[in-house]
Amino acid sequence: GRSAIASAAYRHAEKIQDDRTGVLHDYTRKRGVSHSELIGFSGTRSELWNLAEQAEKRKDATVAREYEIALPVELSSEQKIALSHAYGEWLNQRHKVAVDVAIHELDSSNPHAHIMTTTRVITEDNLLGEKAAREWSDSRRKKMGLPGRKVDLEEARKQWEILANRMLERSNQRVRIDHRSLSDQGIERVPQIHLGPHVVEMEKRGIA
């Protein structure tokens, strides 16, 4: 029910027109976007997400996937960008999809990246082809000899752990991340609650 074009425009603080509906999504007044890049697609962001929207015929089609990652505050700005790029490269190579990276609040206490990917593979002529295997139903995956879709999420989390810890080690940081839940790690502690950008902004204004 949401537009991938509007989502991309918002995450990158850009102005992008939906060629199919004529709606102009303008978020150029938004602040906090520190870095943007496309991986696996040689056109513009507007061209990519208009292609993605136009490739789907069903009203309930999934046009994009998003991975939201928390960047280690211990890393330098250059290392955070390099880490986000490395993860985007992995997603592109693993699933053959186009990857759109937006890093927010790079030098704050909450640096993070929004990584949108197409649900269709990128063809050799820079167009969108069939749905990526990541999007197949569990029944189709079983027929093709693949495990259930949950495995893809676990793999994505594990790969982020590997890449982040590798970068932390290179920067001589002792801290490491673990993609497993606290219970799976055998840690008896109540997980922290993700406050979200609106609550963080309220607390900046002194509102508890």
C-alpha atoms as a PDB file:
ATOM      1  CA  GLY A   1       0.000   0.000   0.000  1.00  0.00           C
ATOM      2  CA  ARG A   2       3.003   2.329   0.156  1.00  0.00           C
ATOM      3  CA  SER A   3       4.933   3.816  -2.730  1.00  0.00           C
ATOM      4  CA  ALA A   4       8.579   2.804  -3.129  1.00  0.00           C
ATOM      5  CA  ILE A   5       9.100   6.118  -4.919  1.00  0.00           C
ATOM      6  CA  ALA A   6       7.812   8.092  -1.934  1.00  0.00           C
ATOM      7  CA  SER A   7       9.882   5.963   0.436  1.00  0.00           C
ATOM      8  CA  ALA A   8      13.071   6.529  -1.561  1.00  0.00           C
ATOM      9  CA  ALA A   9      12.428  10.268  -1.816  1.00  0.00           C
ATOM     10  CA  TYR A  10      11.885  10.495   1.947  1.00  0.00           C
ATOM     11  CA  ARG A  11      14.944   8.447   2.900  1.00  0.00           C
ATOM     12  CA  HIS A  12      17.223  10.455   0.627  1.00  0.00           C
ATOM     13  CA  ALA A  13      15.583  13.882   1.121  1.00  0.00           C
ATOM     14  CA  GLU A  14      15.026  14.195  -2.607  1.00  0.00           C
ATOM     15  CA  LYS A  15      12.315  15.196  -5.063  1.00  0.00           C
ATOM     16  CA  ILE A  16      11.087  12.263  -7.187  1.00  0.00           C
ATOM     17  CA  GLN A  17       8.038  12.145  -9.448  1.00  0.00           C
ATOM     18  CA  ASP A  18       5.926   9.039  -9.819  1.00  0.00           C
ATOM     19  CA  ASP A  19       5.638   8.757 -13.604  1.00  0.00           C
ATOM     20  CA  ARG A  20       2.615   6.484 -13.368  1.00  0.00           C
ATOM     21  CA  THR A  21       0.468   8.690 -11.124  1.00  0.00           C
ATOM     22  CA  GLY A  22       2.050  12.082 -11.766  1.00  0.00           C
ATOM     23  CA  VAL A  23       2.478  12.660  -8.017  1.00  0.00           C
ATOM     24  CA  LEU A  24       5.613  14.575  -7.036  1.00  0.00           C
ATOM     25  CA  HIS A  25       7.154  13.430  -3.768  1.00  0.00           C
ATOM     26  CA  ASP A  26       9.250  16.321  -2.467  1.00  0.00           C
ATOM     27  CA  TYR A  27      11.239  15.820   0.740  1.00  0.00           C
ATOM     28  CA  THR A  28      14.078  18.213  -0.030  1.00  0.00           C
ATOM     29  CA  ARG A  29      13.447  20.067   3.237  1.00  0.00           C
ATOM     30  CA  LYS A  30      14.214  16.956   5.278  1.00  0.00           C
ATOM     31  CA  ARG A  31      17.492  17.049   7.211  1.00  0.00           C
ATOM     32  CA  GLY A  32      19.862  14.394   8.503  1.00  0.00           C
ATOM     33  CA  VAL A  33      20.773  12.517   5.315  1.00  0.00           C
ATOM     34  CA  SER A  34      24.551  12.108   5.365  1.00  0.00           C
ATOM     35  CA  HIS A  35      25.261   9.785   2.438  1.00  0.00           C
ATOM     36  CA  SER A  36      23.411   8.255  -0.526  1.00  0.00           C
ATOM     37  CA  GLU A  37      24.413   5.718  -3.146  1.00  0.00           C
ATOM     38  CA  LEU A  38      22.989   3.227  -5.620  1.00  0.00           C
ATOM     39  CA  ILE A  39      24.553  -0.215  -6.018  1.00  0.00           C
ATOM     40  CA  GLY A  40      23.914  -2.529  -8.950  1.00  0.00           C
ATOM     41  CA  PHE A  41      22.003   0.005 -11.068  1.00  0.00           C
ATOM     42  CA  SER A  42      23.576   2.550 -13.412  1.00  0.00           C
ATOM     43  CA  GLY A  43      20.610   4.916 -13.742  1.00  0.00           C
ATOM     44  CA  THR A  44      19.166   7.500 -11.379  1.00  0.00           C
ATOM     45  CA  ARG A  45      17.192   6.884  -8.211  1.00  0.00           C
ATOM     46  CA  SER A  46      14.073   8.178  -9.958  1.00  0.00           C
ATOM     47  CA  GLU A  47      14.562   5.776 -12.852  1.00  0.00           C
ATOM     48  CA  LEU A  48      15.121   2.810 -10.539  1.00  0.00           C
ATOM     49  CA  TRP A  49      12.047   3.167  -8.376  1.00  0.00           C
ATOM     50  CA  ASN A  50       9.777   4.138 -11.249  1.00  0.00           C
ATOM     51  CA  LEU A  51      10.913   0.932 -12.967  1.00  0.00           C
ATOM     52  CA  ALA A  52      10.179  -0.998  -9.777  1.00  0.00           C
ATOM     53  CA  GLU A  53       6.660   0.413  -9.469  1.00  0.00           C
ATOM     54  CA  GLN A  54       5.870  -0.101 -13.153  1.00  0.00           C
ATOM     55  CA  ALA A  55       7.097  -3.710 -13.091  1.00  0.00           C
ATOM     56  CA  GLU A  56       4.255  -4.782 -10.775  1.00  0.00           C
ATOM     57  CA  LYS A  57       0.690  -5.339 -11.912  1.00  0.00           C
ATOM     58  CA  ARG A  58      -0.904  -6.595  -8.701  1.00  0.00           C
ATOM     59  CA  LYS A  59      -2.166  -4.000  -6.218  1.00  0.00           C
ATOM     60  CA  ASP A  60      -0.731  -5.994  -3.304  1.00  0.00           C
ATOM     61  CA  ALA A  61       2.681  -6.553  -4.907  1.00  0.00           C
ATOM     62  CA  THR A  62       5.810  -6.067  -2.842  1.00  0.00           C
ATOM     63  CA  VAL A  63       7.862  -3.460  -4.688  1.00  0.00           C
ATOM     64  CA  ALA A  64      10.801  -3.078  -2.307  1.00  0.00           C
ATOM     65  CA  ARG A  65      12.461  -4.507   0.780  1.00  0.00           C
ATOM     66  CA  GLU A  66      14.193  -2.453   3.428  1.00  0.00           C
ATOM     67  CA  TYR A  67      17.035  -3.324   5.764  1.00  0.00           C
ATOM     68  CA  GLU A  68      17.544  -0.843   8.588  1.00  0.00           C
ATOM     69  CA  ILE A  69      20.937  -1.128  10.262  1.00  0.00           C
ATOM     70  CA  ALA A  70      22.431   0.575  13.296  1.00  0.00           C
ATOM     71  CA  LEU A  71      25.981   1.702  12.575  1.00  0.00           C
ATOM     72  CA  PRO A  72      28.555   1.284  15.379  1.00  0.00           C
ATOM     73  CA  VAL A  73      29.254   4.687  16.956  1.00  0.00           C
ATOM     74  CA  GLU A  74      32.845   3.566  17.575  1.00  0.00           C
ATOM     75  CA  LEU A  75      33.659   3.793  13.857  1.00  0.00           C
ATOM     76  CA  SER A  76      34.758   6.905  11.966  1.00  0.00           C
ATOM     77  CA  SER A  77      32.472   8.502   9.382  1.00  0.00           C
ATOM     78  CA  GLU A  78      34.512   6.974   6.552  1.00  0.00           C
ATOM     79  CA  GLN A  79      34.333   3.524   8.154  1.00  0.00           C
ATOM     80  CA  LYS A  80      30.561   3.754   8.636  1.00  0.00           C
ATOM     81  CA  ILE A  81      30.110   4.625   4.964  1.00  0.00           C
ATOM     82  CA  ALA A  82      32.455   1.826   3.898  1.00  0.00           C
ATOM     83  CA  LEU A  83      30.593  -0.647   6.117  1.00  0.00           C
ATOM     84  CA  SER A  84      27.205   0.352   4.700  1.00  0.00           C
ATOM     85  CA  HIS A  85      28.598   0.046   1.179  1.00  0.00           C
ATOM     86  CA  ALA A  86      30.023  -3.411   1.910  1.00  0.00           C
ATOM     87  CA  TYR A  87      26.651  -4.609   3.171  1.00  0.00           C
ATOM     88  CA  GLY A  88      24.896  -3.120   0.158  1.00  0.00           C
ATOM     89  CA  GLU A  89      27.378  -4.892  -2.122  1.00  0.00           C
ATOM     90  CA  TRP A  90      26.677  -8.171  -0.353  1.00  0.00           C
ATOM     91  CA  LEU A  91      22.899  -7.770  -0.784  1.00  0.00           C
ATOM     92  CA  ASN A  92      23.392  -7.003  -4.462  1.00  0.00           C
ATOM     93  CA  GLN A  93      25.622 -10.002  -5.074  1.00  0.00           C
ATOM     94  CA  ARG A  94      23.580 -12.372  -2.892  1.00  0.00           C
ATOM     95  CA  HIS A  95      20.151 -11.596  -4.342  1.00  0.00           C
ATOM     96  CA  LYS A  96      21.045  -9.928  -7.695  1.00  0.00           C
ATOM     97  CA  VAL A  97      18.861  -6.932  -6.810  1.00  0.00           C
ATOM     98  CA  ALA A  98      19.467  -3.183  -7.000  1.00  0.00           C
ATOM     99  CA  VAL A  99      20.401  -1.605  -3.679  1.00  0.00           C
ATOM    100  CA  ASP A 100      19.729   1.981  -2.545  1.00  0.00           C
ATOM    101  CA  VAL A 101      21.681   3.116   0.535  1.00  0.00           C
ATOM    102  CA  ALA A 102      20.796   6.154   2.669  1.00  0.00           C
ATOM    103  CA  ILE A 103      22.830   6.911   5.788  1.00  0.00           C
ATOM    104  CA  HIS A 104      21.215   9.159   8.386  1.00  0.00           C
ATOM    105  CA  GLU A 105      22.772  11.047  11.323  1.00  0.00           C
ATOM    106  CA  LEU A 106      26.276   9.841  10.477  1.00  0.00           C
ATOM    107  CA  ASP A 107      28.083  11.713  13.258  1.00  0.00           C
ATOM    108  CA  SER A 108      25.338  11.559  15.889  1.00  0.00           C
ATOM    109  CA  SER A 109      24.711   9.130  18.747  1.00  0.00           C
ATOM    110  CA  ASN A 110      22.285   7.269  16.497  1.00  0.00           C
ATOM    111  CA  PRO A 111      23.979   6.692  13.115  1.00  0.00           C
ATOM    112  CA  HIS A 112      21.974   4.306  10.960  1.00  0.00           C
ATOM    113  CA  ALA A 113      21.332   3.319   7.382  1.00  0.00           C
ATOM    114  CA  HIS A 114      18.155   2.619   5.447  1.00  0.00           C
ATOM    115  CA  ILE A 115      18.913   0.156   2.661  1.00  0.00           C
ATOM    116  CA  MET A 116      16.117  -0.326   0.146  1.00  0.00           C
ATOM    117  CA  THR A 117      16.356  -3.125  -2.401  1.00  0.00           C
ATOM    118  CA  THR A 118      14.245  -4.065  -5.384  1.00  0.00           C
ATOM    119  CA  THR A 119      12.318  -7.317  -5.196  1.00  0.00           C
ATOM    120  CA  ARG A 120      13.232  -8.144  -8.790  1.00  0.00           C
ATOM    121  CA  VAL A 121      16.681  -8.994 -10.101  1.00  0.00           C
ATOM    122  CA  ILE A 122      18.616  -6.532 -12.230  1.00  0.00           C
ATOM    123  CA  THR A 123      19.226  -7.820 -15.753  1.00  0.00           C
ATOM    124  CA  GLU A 124      22.372  -7.322 -17.834  1.00  0.00           C
ATOM    125  CA  ASP A 125      20.675  -4.480 -19.736  1.00  0.00           C
ATOM    126  CA  ASN A 126      19.931  -2.597 -16.497  1.00  0.00           C
ATOM    127  CA  LEU A 127      16.244  -3.525 -16.322  1.00  0.00           C
ATOM    128  CA  LEU A 128      14.175  -5.406 -13.766  1.00  0.00           C
ATOM    129  CA  GLY A 129      13.644  -9.102 -14.469  1.00  0.00           C
ATOM    130  CA  GLU A 130      12.008 -11.900 -12.504  1.00  0.00           C
ATOM    131  CA  LYS A 131      11.342 -11.838  -8.775  1.00  0.00           C
ATOM    132  CA  ALA A 132      14.438 -12.654  -6.722  1.00  0.00           C
ATOM    133  CA  ALA A 133      14.439 -16.067  -5.054  1.00  0.00           C
ATOM    134  CA  ARG A 134      14.249 -14.220  -1.731  1.00  0.00           C
ATOM    135  CA  GLU A 135      10.672 -13.254  -2.674  1.00  0.00           C
ATOM    136  CA  TRP A 136       9.458 -16.742  -3.593  1.00  0.00           C
ATOM    137  CA  SER A 137       6.838 -18.437  -1.444  1.00  0.00           C
ATOM    138  CA  ASP A 138       7.972 -21.237   0.852  1.00  0.00           C
ATOM    139  CA  SER A 139       6.143 -23.763  -1.335  1.00  0.00           C
ATOM    140  CA  ARG A 140       7.998 -22.653  -4.455  1.00  0.00           C
ATOM    141  CA  ARG A 141      11.280 -22.558  -2.575  1.00  0.00           C
ATOM    142  CA  LYS A 142      10.698 -26.126  -1.423  1.00  0.00           C
ATOM    143  CA  LYS A 143      10.088 -27.239  -5.003  1.00  0.00           C
ATOM    144  CA  MET A 144      13.375 -25.617  -6.015  1.00  0.00           C
ATOM    145  CA  GLY A 145      15.256 -27.287  -3.179  1.00  0.00           C
ATOM    146  CA  LEU A 146      15.605 -24.112  -1.102  1.00  0.00           C
ATOM    147  CA  PRO A 147      14.937 -23.685   2.637  1.00  0.00           C
ATOM    148  CA  GLY A 148      12.143 -21.447   3.958  1.00  0.00           C
ATOM    149  CA  ARG A 149      12.232 -17.663   3.633  1.00  0.00           C
ATOM    150  CA  LYS A 150      13.124 -17.223   7.319  1.00  0.00           C
ATOM    151  CA  VAL A 151      16.613 -18.470   6.477  1.00  0.00           C
ATOM    152  CA  ASP A 152      17.205 -15.370   4.306  1.00  0.00           C
ATOM    153  CA  LEU A 153      16.540 -13.054   7.255  1.00  0.00           C
ATOM    154  CA  GLU A 154      18.833 -15.042   9.551  1.00  0.00           C
ATOM    155  CA  GLU A 155      21.524 -15.003   6.863  1.00  0.00           C
ATOM    156  CA  ALA A 156      21.172 -11.235   6.404  1.00  0.00           C
ATOM    157  CA  ARG A 157      21.527 -10.632  10.144  1.00  0.00           C
ATOM    158  CA  LYS A 158      24.530 -12.946  10.386  1.00  0.00           C
ATOM    159  CA  GLN A 159      26.271 -11.251   7.452  1.00  0.00           C
ATOM    160  CA  TRP A 160      25.792  -7.862   9.077  1.00  0.00           C
ATOM    161  CA  GLU A 161      27.432  -9.205  12.225  1.00  0.00           C
ATOM    162  CA  ILE A 162      30.388 -10.501  10.211  1.00  0.00           C
ATOM    163  CA  LEU A 163      30.960  -7.264   8.294  1.00  0.00           C
ATOM    164  CA  ALA A 164      30.449  -4.972  11.301  1.00  0.00           C
ATOM    165  CA  ASN A 165      32.776  -6.971  13.548  1.00  0.00           C
ATOM    166  CA  ARG A 166      35.403  -7.110  10.812  1.00  0.00           C
ATOM    167  CA  MET A 167      35.337  -3.310  10.541  1.00  0.00           C
ATOM    168  CA  LEU A 168      35.421  -2.907  14.338  1.00  0.00           C
ATOM    169  CA  GLU A 169      38.458  -5.175  14.496  1.00  0.00           C
ATOM    170  CA  ARG A 170      40.236  -3.206  11.781  1.00  0.00           C
ATOM    171  CA  SER A 171      39.676   0.003  13.727  1.00  0.00           C
ATOM    172  CA  ASN A 172      41.153  -1.611  16.884  1.00  0.00           C
ATOM    173  CA  GLN A 173      37.847  -1.527  18.752  1.00  0.00           C
ATOM    174  CA  ARG A 174      37.233  -4.192  21.397  1.00  0.00           C
ATOM    175  CA  VAL A 175      33.432  -4.071  21.191  1.00  0.00           C
ATOM    176  CA  ARG A 176      31.613  -6.621  18.981  1.00  0.00           C
ATOM    177  CA  ILE A 177      27.999  -7.137  17.927  1.00  0.00           C
ATOM    178  CA  ASP A 178      25.973 -10.357  17.972  1.00  0.00           C
ATOM    179  CA  HIS A 179      23.028 -10.908  15.636  1.00  0.00           C
ATOM    180  CA  ARG A 180      21.366 -13.368  18.016  1.00  0.00           C
ATOM    181  CA  SER A 181      18.670 -12.429  20.510  1.00  0.00           C
ATOM    182  CA  LEU A 182      19.627 -12.067  24.183  1.00  0.00           C
ATOM    183  CA  SER A 183      17.853 -15.318  25.030  1.00  0.00           C
ATOM    184  CA  ASP A 184      19.730 -17.198  22.290  1.00  0.00           C
ATOM    185  CA  GLN A 185      22.961 -15.796  23.725  1.00  0.00           C
ATOM    186  CA  GLY A 186      21.997 -17.025  27.205  1.00  0.00           C
ATOM    187  CA  ILE A 187      21.826 -13.470  28.556  1.00  0.00           C
ATOM    188  CA  GLU A 188      19.110 -12.886  31.170  1.00  0.00           C
ATOM    189  CA  ARG A 189      18.383  -9.225  30.543  1.00  0.00           C
ATOM    190  CA  VAL A 190      15.295  -7.388  29.352  1.00  0.00           C
ATOM    191  CA  PRO A 191      15.913  -6.075  25.805  1.00  0.00           C
ATOM    192  CA  GLN A 192      15.993  -2.319  25.340  1.00  0.00           C
ATOM    193  CA  ILE A 193      13.120  -0.660  23.522  1.00  0.00           C
ATOM    194  CA  HIS A 194      13.793   1.104  20.216  1.00  0.00           C
ATOM    195  CA  LEU A 195      12.530   4.629  20.784  1.00  0.00           C
ATOM    196  CA  GLY A 196      12.341   5.768  17.172  1.00  0.00           C
ATOM    197  CA  PRO A 197      13.079   9.191  15.654  1.00  0.00           C
ATOM    198  CA  HIS A 198       9.987  10.962  16.996  1.00  0.00           C
ATOM    199  CA  VAL A 199      10.688  10.052  20.635  1.00  0.00           C
ATOM    200  CA  VAL A 200      14.372  10.906  20.239  1.00  0.00           C
ATOM    201  CA  GLU A 201      13.393  14.343  18.914  1.00  0.00           C
ATOM    202  CA  MET A 202      11.025  14.845  21.855  1.00  0.00           C
ATOM    203  CA  GLU A 203      13.765  13.988  24.337  1.00  0.00           C
ATOM    204  CA  LYS A 204      16.077  16.495  22.626  1.00  0.00           C
ATOM    205  CA  ARG A 205      13.436  19.129  23.475  1.00  0.00           C
ATOM    206  CA  GLY A 206      13.440  17.989  27.110  1.00  0.00           C
ATOM    207  CA  ILE A 207      10.225  15.946  26.960  1.00  0.00           C
ATOM    208  CA  ALA A 208      10.559  12.672  28.889  1.00  0.00           C
END
